[in-house]
């Protein structure tokens, strides 16, 4: 989806009171509907008026995406180690 489509979906979710169900419920619904982690972060930031950093933390550490988040973090650690960036 492009930004315009994400903005339209976010507006629809806000109008439908998606924010009343809670962050984890919205994230689970977004994942179940095929939204990517990045799309979910963007939509969560809009629906809950969060900063992108806070939305990322909610998505990555939430129950729906936690396994993928851990895999991403491990990949980044290994990549940093291969580049010699670790302290």
C-alpha atoms as a PDB file:
ATOM      1  CA  UNK A   1       0.000   0.000   0.000  1.00  0.00           C
ATOM      2  CA  UNK A   2       1.141   3.520  -0.617  1.00  0.00           C
ATOM      3  CA  UNK A   3       0.942   6.344   1.928  1.00  0.00           C
ATOM      4  CA  UNK A   4      -2.371   7.641   0.586  1.00  0.00           C
ATOM      5  CA  UNK A   5      -3.989   4.206   0.939  1.00  0.00           C
ATOM      6  CA  UNK A   6      -2.564   3.821   4.446  1.00  0.00           C
ATOM      7  CA  UNK A   7      -3.906   7.243   5.402  1.00  0.00           C
ATOM      8  CA  UNK A   8      -7.372   6.292   4.087  1.00  0.00           C
ATOM      9  CA  UNK A   9      -7.327   3.002   5.999  1.00  0.00           C
ATOM     10  CA  UNK A  10      -6.169   4.810   9.143  1.00  0.00           C
ATOM     11  CA  UNK A  11      -9.021   7.318   8.815  1.00  0.00           C
ATOM     12  CA  UNK A  12     -11.539   4.494   8.347  1.00  0.00           C
ATOM     13  CA  UNK A  13     -10.212   2.731  11.431  1.00  0.00           C
ATOM     14  CA  UNK A  14     -10.373   5.929  13.479  1.00  0.00           C
ATOM     15  CA  UNK A  15     -13.964   6.559  12.342  1.00  0.00           C
ATOM     16  CA  UNK A  16     -14.816   2.966  13.224  1.00  0.00           C
ATOM     17  CA  UNK A  17     -13.414   3.468  16.729  1.00  0.00           C
ATOM     18  CA  UNK A  18     -10.656   0.891  16.246  1.00  0.00           C
ATOM     19  CA  UNK A  19      -8.653   2.672  18.921  1.00  0.00           C
ATOM     20  CA  UNK A  20     -11.153   1.697  21.603  1.00  0.00           C
ATOM     21  CA  UNK A  21     -10.271  -1.991  21.301  1.00  0.00           C
ATOM     22  CA  UNK A  22      -6.631  -1.514  22.243  1.00  0.00           C
ATOM     23  CA  UNK A  23      -3.285  -1.505  20.519  1.00  0.00           C
ATOM     24  CA  UNK A  24      -2.673  -5.270  20.615  1.00  0.00           C
ATOM     25  CA  UNK A  25      -6.092  -6.023  19.125  1.00  0.00           C
ATOM     26  CA  UNK A  26      -5.547  -3.597  16.255  1.00  0.00           C
ATOM     27  CA  UNK A  27      -2.075  -4.964  15.583  1.00  0.00           C
ATOM     28  CA  UNK A  28      -3.423  -8.527  15.507  1.00  0.00           C
ATOM     29  CA  UNK A  29      -6.207  -7.522  13.108  1.00  0.00           C
ATOM     30  CA  UNK A  30      -3.750  -5.716  10.832  1.00  0.00           C
ATOM     31  CA  UNK A  31      -1.423  -8.715  10.735  1.00  0.00           C
ATOM     32  CA  UNK A  32      -4.319 -11.115  10.102  1.00  0.00           C
ATOM     33  CA  UNK A  33      -5.446  -8.949   7.185  1.00  0.00           C
ATOM     34  CA  UNK A  34      -1.991  -9.169   5.617  1.00  0.00           C
ATOM     35  CA  UNK A  35      -0.518  -5.823   6.616  1.00  0.00           C
ATOM     36  CA  UNK A  36       3.252  -5.739   6.963  1.00  0.00           C
ATOM     37  CA  UNK A  37       5.094  -4.740  10.103  1.00  0.00           C
ATOM     38  CA  UNK A  38       5.932  -1.347   8.573  1.00  0.00           C
ATOM     39  CA  UNK A  39       2.334  -0.744   7.501  1.00  0.00           C
ATOM     40  CA  UNK A  40       1.155  -1.736  10.968  1.00  0.00           C
ATOM     41  CA  UNK A  41       3.566   0.701  12.611  1.00  0.00           C
ATOM     42  CA  UNK A  42       2.310   3.523  10.398  1.00  0.00           C
ATOM     43  CA  UNK A  43      -1.371   2.732  11.013  1.00  0.00           C
ATOM     44  CA  UNK A  44      -0.933   2.286  14.775  1.00  0.00           C
ATOM     45  CA  UNK A  45       0.845   5.652  14.957  1.00  0.00           C
ATOM     46  CA  UNK A  46      -2.112   7.305  13.229  1.00  0.00           C
ATOM     47  CA  UNK A  47      -4.961   5.526  15.035  1.00  0.00           C
ATOM     48  CA  UNK A  48      -3.470   5.992  18.511  1.00  0.00           C
ATOM     49  CA  UNK A  49      -1.724   9.343  17.862  1.00  0.00           C
ATOM     50  CA  UNK A  50       1.639   7.817  18.805  1.00  0.00           C
ATOM     51  CA  UNK A  51       5.070   8.835  17.697  1.00  0.00           C
ATOM     52  CA  UNK A  52       6.527   6.498  15.072  1.00  0.00           C
ATOM     53  CA  UNK A  53       9.045   5.277  17.677  1.00  0.00           C
ATOM     54  CA  UNK A  54       6.311   4.420  20.186  1.00  0.00           C
ATOM     55  CA  UNK A  55       4.220   2.728  17.501  1.00  0.00           C
ATOM     56  CA  UNK A  56       7.256   0.701  16.405  1.00  0.00           C
ATOM     57  CA  UNK A  57       7.875  -0.421  19.978  1.00  0.00           C
ATOM     58  CA  UNK A  58       4.213  -1.436  20.341  1.00  0.00           C
ATOM     59  CA  UNK A  59       4.198  -3.432  17.111  1.00  0.00           C
ATOM     60  CA  UNK A  60       7.612  -5.070  17.445  1.00  0.00           C
ATOM     61  CA  UNK A  61       7.188  -6.082  21.086  1.00  0.00           C
ATOM     62  CA  UNK A  62       3.481  -6.910  20.936  1.00  0.00           C
ATOM     63  CA  UNK A  63       2.286 -10.515  20.865  1.00  0.00           C
ATOM     64  CA  UNK A  64       1.432 -10.509  17.153  1.00  0.00           C
ATOM     65  CA  UNK A  65       4.850  -9.545  15.826  1.00  0.00           C
ATOM     66  CA  UNK A  66       7.186 -10.396  18.709  1.00  0.00           C
ATOM     67  CA  UNK A  67       8.749 -13.435  16.987  1.00  0.00           C
ATOM     68  CA  UNK A  68       9.460 -11.448  13.824  1.00  0.00           C
ATOM     69  CA  UNK A  69      10.758  -8.557  15.930  1.00  0.00           C
ATOM     70  CA  UNK A  70      13.188 -10.852  17.728  1.00  0.00           C
ATOM     71  CA  UNK A  71      14.382 -12.241  14.378  1.00  0.00           C
ATOM     72  CA  UNK A  72      14.943  -8.707  13.061  1.00  0.00           C
ATOM     73  CA  UNK A  73      16.909  -7.729  16.163  1.00  0.00           C
ATOM     74  CA  UNK A  74      19.068 -10.867  15.930  1.00  0.00           C
ATOM     75  CA  UNK A  75      19.761 -10.125  12.260  1.00  0.00           C
ATOM     76  CA  UNK A  76      20.821  -6.573  13.128  1.00  0.00           C
ATOM     77  CA  UNK A  77      23.096  -7.819  15.930  1.00  0.00           C
ATOM     78  CA  UNK A  78      24.766 -10.328  13.597  1.00  0.00           C
ATOM     79  CA  UNK A  79      25.127  -7.726  10.861  1.00  0.00           C
ATOM     80  CA  UNK A  80      26.727  -5.269  13.279  1.00  0.00           C
ATOM     81  CA  UNK A  81      29.082  -8.003  14.496  1.00  0.00           C
ATOM     82  CA  UNK A  82      30.137  -8.877  10.946  1.00  0.00           C
ATOM     83  CA  UNK A  83      30.846  -5.220  10.240  1.00  0.00           C
ATOM     84  CA  UNK A  84      32.799  -4.855  13.480  1.00  0.00           C
ATOM     85  CA  UNK A  85      30.342  -2.342  14.943  1.00  0.00           C
ATOM     86  CA  UNK A  86      29.967  -4.124  18.275  1.00  0.00           C
ATOM     87  CA  UNK A  87      31.675  -2.544  21.223  1.00  0.00           C
END
